[in-house]
Amino acid sequence: MRIKIQKSIVSSLLIAFILVLSTAALAQSRTAIEVASLGPQVGDLVPNFRLADQNGTLQTLESIAGPAGTMLLFHRSADW
């Protein structure tokens, strides 16, 4: 019985080791993303805009700006 338990532990460890190695190999094969090419960056000035919000009200950069400035957050959703 002790041999069966040891074999089970060894095979479990071997499977875990193989999974770790395969995950590491996948992580290394990813292509680096150049973040600067994705759009506006932190600190960039935003051009004036005029867009409707979720209620249909037109908003401009000036209309949403507060006394300390404005933070724009672009959220990408999968259910457009």
Protein backbone atom coordinates (compact mmCIF):
# COMPACT_ATOMS: atom_id res chain seq x y z
CA MET A 1 0.00 0.00 0.00
CA ARG A 2 2.83 2.36 0.85
CA ILE A 3 4.37 1.77 -2.60
CA LYS A 4 1.05 2.63 -4.29
CA ILE A 5 0.82 5.88 -2.34
CA GLN A 6 4.41 6.78 -3.21
CA LYS A 7 3.80 6.05 -6.90
CA SER A 8 0.69 8.21 -6.77
CA ILE A 9 2.63 11.09 -5.20
CA VAL A 10 5.47 10.75 -7.70
CA SER A 11 3.09 10.70 -10.66
CA SER A 12 1.20 13.73 -9.29
CA LEU A 13 4.45 15.65 -8.86
CA LEU A 14 5.54 14.69 -12.37
CA ILE A 15 2.26 15.93 -13.86
CA ALA A 16 2.55 19.20 -11.89
CA PHE A 17 6.13 19.66 -13.10
CA ILE A 18 5.10 19.10 -16.73
CA LEU A 19 2.28 21.62 -16.37
CA VAL A 20 4.66 24.21 -14.93
CA LEU A 21 7.14 23.69 -17.76
CA SER A 22 4.47 23.92 -20.45
CA THR A 23 3.05 27.12 -18.91
CA ALA A 24 6.53 28.65 -18.79
CA ALA A 25 7.10 27.75 -22.44
CA LEU A 26 3.82 29.40 -23.45
CA ALA A 27 4.66 32.54 -21.49
CA GLN A 28 8.01 32.87 -23.24
CA SER A 29 6.48 32.59 -26.71
CA ARG A 30 4.29 35.70 -26.33
CA THR A 31 4.97 38.70 -28.49
CA ALA A 32 5.82 41.90 -26.65
CA ILE A 33 3.23 44.67 -26.95
CA GLU A 34 4.40 48.21 -27.62
CA VAL A 35 2.06 50.11 -25.29
CA ALA A 36 2.85 53.50 -26.85
CA SER A 37 1.26 52.35 -30.11
CA LEU A 38 -2.10 51.57 -28.47
CA GLY A 39 -3.43 55.11 -28.17
CA PRO A 40 -3.25 58.03 -25.74
CA GLN A 41 -0.81 57.56 -22.89
CA VAL A 42 -0.85 58.81 -19.31
CA GLY A 43 -0.26 62.56 -19.33
CA ASP A 44 -1.18 63.08 -23.02
CA LEU A 45 -3.50 65.97 -23.81
CA VAL A 46 -6.91 64.93 -25.08
CA PRO A 47 -8.40 66.82 -28.02
CA ASN A 48 -11.74 68.53 -27.49
CA PHE A 49 -14.64 66.20 -28.14
CA ARG A 50 -18.41 66.17 -28.21
CA LEU A 51 -20.00 62.78 -27.58
CA ALA A 52 -23.31 61.45 -26.29
CA ASP A 53 -23.25 59.63 -22.97
CA GLN A 54 -25.33 56.56 -22.05
CA ASN A 55 -28.39 58.81 -21.53
CA GLY A 56 -28.01 60.61 -24.85
CA THR A 57 -26.77 63.88 -23.29
CA LEU A 58 -23.93 65.51 -25.21
CA GLN A 59 -20.75 65.79 -23.19
CA THR A 60 -17.61 67.77 -24.00
CA LEU A 61 -14.20 67.79 -22.38
CA GLU A 62 -15.11 71.11 -20.76
CA SER A 63 -18.44 69.79 -19.42
CA ILE A 64 -16.86 66.85 -17.59
CA ALA A 65 -13.77 68.67 -16.27
CA GLY A 66 -13.57 69.25 -12.54
CA PRO A 67 -11.48 71.76 -10.58
CA ALA A 68 -8.55 69.33 -10.40
CA GLY A 69 -8.78 68.25 -14.02
CA THR A 70 -10.23 65.20 -15.69
CA MET A 71 -9.42 61.54 -15.76
CA LEU A 72 -10.71 59.62 -18.76
CA LEU A 73 -11.06 55.87 -18.51
CA PHE A 74 -11.69 53.83 -21.64
CA HIS A 75 -13.19 50.46 -20.79
CA ARG A 76 -13.33 47.82 -23.46
CA SER A 77 -16.25 45.45 -23.17
CA ALA A 78 -17.02 42.21 -24.95
CA ASP A 79 -20.76 42.90 -25.18
CA TRP A 80 -20.90 45.89 -27.50
